[in-house]
Every structure is written in structure tokens, then in C-alpha cells.
Amino acid sequence: MSSGDDELDELRQERLQELKEQAGEEQAEAQQARQQQADAQKKAVLRQHLTDEARKRLNTVKMSKPQFGEQVERQVVALAQSGRIQGKIDDAKMKQLLNELKPDSKSFDIRRR
């Protein structure tokens, strides 16, 4: 092989690497766009099916317990998409839903000897 072939091969490898990096960036951007669209749809469903008070309560829960808040949001969206929500969820119904979904608190029974 001559040095010209080596240089050409090296340039091809560099270009291939650049293309792979560019494709990876495009995939990341597409994934981010899909995530933003899903978030927008979720917010629209929540706005449609929750009263202002219920939304405020859910936001408060999300601030203190983000994972639990996300779980409740997913549950409300699933109920809405399956058509099992009649009217809007008000604050009282939101309290009931939160109580039903919250994990059982572990109690400790401490006895002194």
C-alpha cells in the first residue's frame, strides 16, 4: 500500500466516525422531541380532567414526592384514556385517589424492656 491509500483510508474512517456521531445526535434530538410531545399531551389530559384545586394538590405532592406524583399522573392519564373518568376529578376525589395509591406506611412498634 502506498501512503496515498493510507491517507484515503484514514480520511474514510474519520468521515465514518463523524457520520456516526451526527446520527447519534439526531437520535437524541428526536428522542427529546418525542418526550416533550408526550409531556405536552399528559399536561393537556390532566388540565382537561382535573379541577384547579386537584391540580394544585397533585403539584404539591410532586414537589415533595416526585416519583409518587409521577405515578399518580400516569394513573390519572390511564383512567382518562380508558374513559373511566366521568366529569372532572375534584380535590376530594384527588385525596381519595392519593390515599388509594400511596404505599402502605411501615410502622415500627418499639417496646422498651
C-alpha atoms as a PDB file:
ATOM      1  CA  MET A   1       0.000   0.000   0.000  1.00  0.00           C
ATOM      2  CA  SER A   2       1.150   3.481  -0.729  1.00  0.00           C
ATOM      3  CA  SER A   3       0.924   6.438   1.631  1.00  0.00           C
ATOM      4  CA  GLY A   4      -1.911   7.844  -0.529  1.00  0.00           C
ATOM      5  CA  ASP A   5      -4.009   4.751   0.154  1.00  0.00           C
ATOM      6  CA  ASP A   6      -3.286   5.025   3.873  1.00  0.00           C
ATOM      7  CA  GLU A   7      -4.346   8.674   3.936  1.00  0.00           C
ATOM      8  CA  LEU A   8      -7.501   7.897   1.967  1.00  0.00           C
ATOM      9  CA  ASP A   9      -8.354   5.049   4.337  1.00  0.00           C
ATOM     10  CA  GLU A  10      -7.743   7.291   7.351  1.00  0.00           C
ATOM     11  CA  LEU A  11      -9.991  10.017   5.878  1.00  0.00           C
ATOM     12  CA  ARG A  12     -12.723   7.437   5.275  1.00  0.00           C
ATOM     13  CA  GLN A  13     -12.505   6.273   8.887  1.00  0.00           C
ATOM     14  CA  GLU A  14     -12.716   9.860  10.174  1.00  0.00           C
ATOM     15  CA  ARG A  15     -15.719  10.613   7.955  1.00  0.00           C
ATOM     16  CA  LEU A  16     -17.452   7.407   9.060  1.00  0.00           C
ATOM     17  CA  GLN A  17     -16.903   8.378  12.709  1.00  0.00           C
ATOM     18  CA  GLU A  18     -18.308  11.871  12.044  1.00  0.00           C
ATOM     19  CA  LEU A  19     -21.405  10.379  10.423  1.00  0.00           C
ATOM     20  CA  LYS A  20     -21.935   8.018  13.365  1.00  0.00           C
ATOM     21  CA  GLU A  21     -21.686  10.905  15.845  1.00  0.00           C
ATOM     22  CA  GLN A  22     -24.097  13.003  13.783  1.00  0.00           C
ATOM     23  CA  ALA A  23     -26.614  10.149  13.642  1.00  0.00           C
ATOM     24  CA  GLY A  24     -26.352   9.734  17.422  1.00  0.00           C
ATOM     25  CA  GLU A  25     -27.052  13.435  17.961  1.00  0.00           C
ATOM     26  CA  GLU A  26     -30.077  13.288  15.644  1.00  0.00           C
ATOM     27  CA  GLN A  27     -31.459  10.295  17.556  1.00  0.00           C
ATOM     28  CA  ALA A  28     -31.031  12.139  20.850  1.00  0.00           C
ATOM     29  CA  GLU A  29     -32.830  15.191  19.457  1.00  0.00           C
ATOM     30  CA  ALA A  30     -35.676  13.022  18.135  1.00  0.00           C
ATOM     31  CA  GLN A  31     -35.984  11.269  21.498  1.00  0.00           C
ATOM     32  CA  GLN A  32     -36.104  14.626  23.273  1.00  0.00           C
ATOM     33  CA  ALA A  33     -38.789  15.876  20.875  1.00  0.00           C
ATOM     34  CA  ARG A  34     -40.892  12.754  21.493  1.00  0.00           C
ATOM     35  CA  GLN A  35     -40.510  13.224  25.259  1.00  0.00           C
ATOM     36  CA  GLN A  36     -41.612  16.869  25.034  1.00  0.00           C
ATOM     37  CA  GLN A  37     -44.632  15.898  22.945  1.00  0.00           C
ATOM     38  CA  ALA A  38     -45.615  13.174  25.437  1.00  0.00           C
ATOM     39  CA  ASP A  39     -45.274  15.649  28.325  1.00  0.00           C
ATOM     40  CA  ALA A  40     -47.437  18.186  26.498  1.00  0.00           C
ATOM     41  CA  GLN A  41     -50.121  15.546  25.871  1.00  0.00           C
ATOM     42  CA  LYS A  42     -50.014  14.457  29.516  1.00  0.00           C
ATOM     43  CA  LYS A  43     -50.423  18.058  30.703  1.00  0.00           C
ATOM     44  CA  ALA A  44     -53.337  18.586  28.336  1.00  0.00           C
ATOM     45  CA  VAL A  45     -55.106  15.453  29.618  1.00  0.00           C
ATOM     46  CA  LEU A  46     -54.505  16.484  33.231  1.00  0.00           C
ATOM     47  CA  ARG A  47     -55.766  20.017  32.547  1.00  0.00           C
ATOM     48  CA  GLN A  48     -58.877  18.579  30.917  1.00  0.00           C
ATOM     49  CA  HIS A  49     -59.743  16.091  33.670  1.00  0.00           C
ATOM     50  CA  LEU A  50     -58.602  17.822  36.889  1.00  0.00           C
ATOM     51  CA  THR A  51     -60.027  20.861  38.623  1.00  0.00           C
ATOM     52  CA  ASP A  52     -57.633  23.651  39.606  1.00  0.00           C
ATOM     53  CA  GLU A  53     -57.610  22.512  43.245  1.00  0.00           C
ATOM     54  CA  ALA A  54     -56.854  18.912  42.279  1.00  0.00           C
ATOM     55  CA  ARG A  55     -54.013  20.058  40.011  1.00  0.00           C
ATOM     56  CA  LYS A  56     -52.565  22.178  42.819  1.00  0.00           C
ATOM     57  CA  ARG A  57     -52.725  19.226  45.214  1.00  0.00           C
ATOM     58  CA  LEU A  58     -51.039  16.964  42.655  1.00  0.00           C
ATOM     59  CA  ASN A  59     -48.303  19.548  42.046  1.00  0.00           C
ATOM     60  CA  THR A  60     -47.712  19.800  45.790  1.00  0.00           C
ATOM     61  CA  VAL A  61     -47.383  16.025  46.014  1.00  0.00           C
ATOM     62  CA  LYS A  62     -44.982  16.019  43.051  1.00  0.00           C
ATOM     63  CA  MET A  63     -42.782  18.598  44.755  1.00  0.00           C
ATOM     64  CA  SER A  64     -42.487  16.571  47.950  1.00  0.00           C
ATOM     65  CA  LYS A  65     -42.531  13.078  46.400  1.00  0.00           C
ATOM     66  CA  PRO A  66     -41.647  13.267  42.674  1.00  0.00           C
ATOM     67  CA  GLN A  67     -41.863   9.537  41.953  1.00  0.00           C
ATOM     68  CA  PHE A  68     -45.221   9.149  43.662  1.00  0.00           C
ATOM     69  CA  GLY A  69     -46.526  12.257  41.880  1.00  0.00           C
ATOM     70  CA  GLU A  70     -45.480  10.827  38.512  1.00  0.00           C
ATOM     71  CA  GLN A  71     -47.195   7.545  39.381  1.00  0.00           C
ATOM     72  CA  VAL A  72     -50.427   9.374  40.210  1.00  0.00           C
ATOM     73  CA  GLU A  73     -50.216  11.385  36.972  1.00  0.00           C
ATOM     74  CA  ARG A  74     -49.760   8.197  34.950  1.00  0.00           C
ATOM     75  CA  GLN A  75     -52.740   6.634  36.724  1.00  0.00           C
ATOM     76  CA  VAL A  76     -54.973   9.659  36.011  1.00  0.00           C
ATOM     77  CA  VAL A  77     -53.912   9.688  32.351  1.00  0.00           C
ATOM     78  CA  ALA A  78     -54.585   5.943  32.073  1.00  0.00           C
ATOM     79  CA  LEU A  79     -58.038   6.384  33.615  1.00  0.00           C
ATOM     80  CA  ALA A  80     -58.794   9.265  31.250  1.00  0.00           C
ATOM     81  CA  GLN A  81     -57.640   7.378  28.166  1.00  0.00           C
ATOM     82  CA  SER A  82     -59.698   4.339  29.106  1.00  0.00           C
ATOM     83  CA  GLY A  83     -62.760   6.556  29.537  1.00  0.00           C
ATOM     84  CA  ARG A  84     -63.268   5.730  33.210  1.00  0.00           C
ATOM     85  CA  ILE A  85     -63.359   9.362  34.368  1.00  0.00           C
ATOM     86  CA  GLN A  86     -66.777  10.968  34.378  1.00  0.00           C
ATOM     87  CA  GLY A  87     -66.568  14.744  34.624  1.00  0.00           C
ATOM     88  CA  LYS A  88     -63.564  16.232  36.363  1.00  0.00           C
ATOM     89  CA  ILE A  89     -61.590  14.978  39.311  1.00  0.00           C
ATOM     90  CA  ASP A  90     -62.032  17.485  42.120  1.00  0.00           C
ATOM     91  CA  ASP A  91     -59.950  17.932  45.258  1.00  0.00           C
ATOM     92  CA  ALA A  92     -61.918  15.349  47.266  1.00  0.00           C
ATOM     93  CA  LYS A  93     -61.571  12.714  44.537  1.00  0.00           C
ATOM     94  CA  MET A  94     -57.853  13.549  44.247  1.00  0.00           C
ATOM     95  CA  LYS A  95     -57.427  12.991  48.011  1.00  0.00           C
ATOM     96  CA  GLN A  96     -59.188   9.643  47.674  1.00  0.00           C
ATOM     97  CA  LEU A  97     -57.003   8.669  44.700  1.00  0.00           C
ATOM     98  CA  LEU A  98     -53.831   9.661  46.560  1.00  0.00           C
ATOM     99  CA  ASN A  99     -54.894   7.595  49.577  1.00  0.00           C
ATOM    100  CA  GLU A 100     -55.610   4.581  47.373  1.00  0.00           C
ATOM    101  CA  LEU A 101     -52.290   4.814  45.550  1.00  0.00           C
ATOM    102  CA  LYS A 102     -49.982   5.675  48.434  1.00  0.00           C
ATOM    103  CA  PRO A 103     -47.772   2.842  49.562  1.00  0.00           C
ATOM    104  CA  ASP A 104     -48.585   1.367  52.931  1.00  0.00           C
ATOM    105  CA  SER A 105     -46.526   3.162  55.508  1.00  0.00           C
ATOM    106  CA  LYS A 106     -44.342   0.866  57.503  1.00  0.00           C
ATOM    107  CA  SER A 107     -44.994   1.280  61.193  1.00  0.00           C
ATOM    108  CA  PHE A 108     -42.467   0.426  63.818  1.00  0.00           C
ATOM    109  CA  ASP A 109     -43.521  -0.966  67.122  1.00  0.00           C
ATOM    110  CA  ILE A 110     -40.827  -0.085  69.642  1.00  0.00           C
ATOM    111  CA  ARG A 111     -41.060  -1.691  73.042  1.00  0.00           C
ATOM    112  CA  ARG A 112     -38.826  -0.828  75.923  1.00  0.00           C
ATOM    113  CA  ARG A 113     -37.663  -3.541  78.265  1.00  0.00           C
END
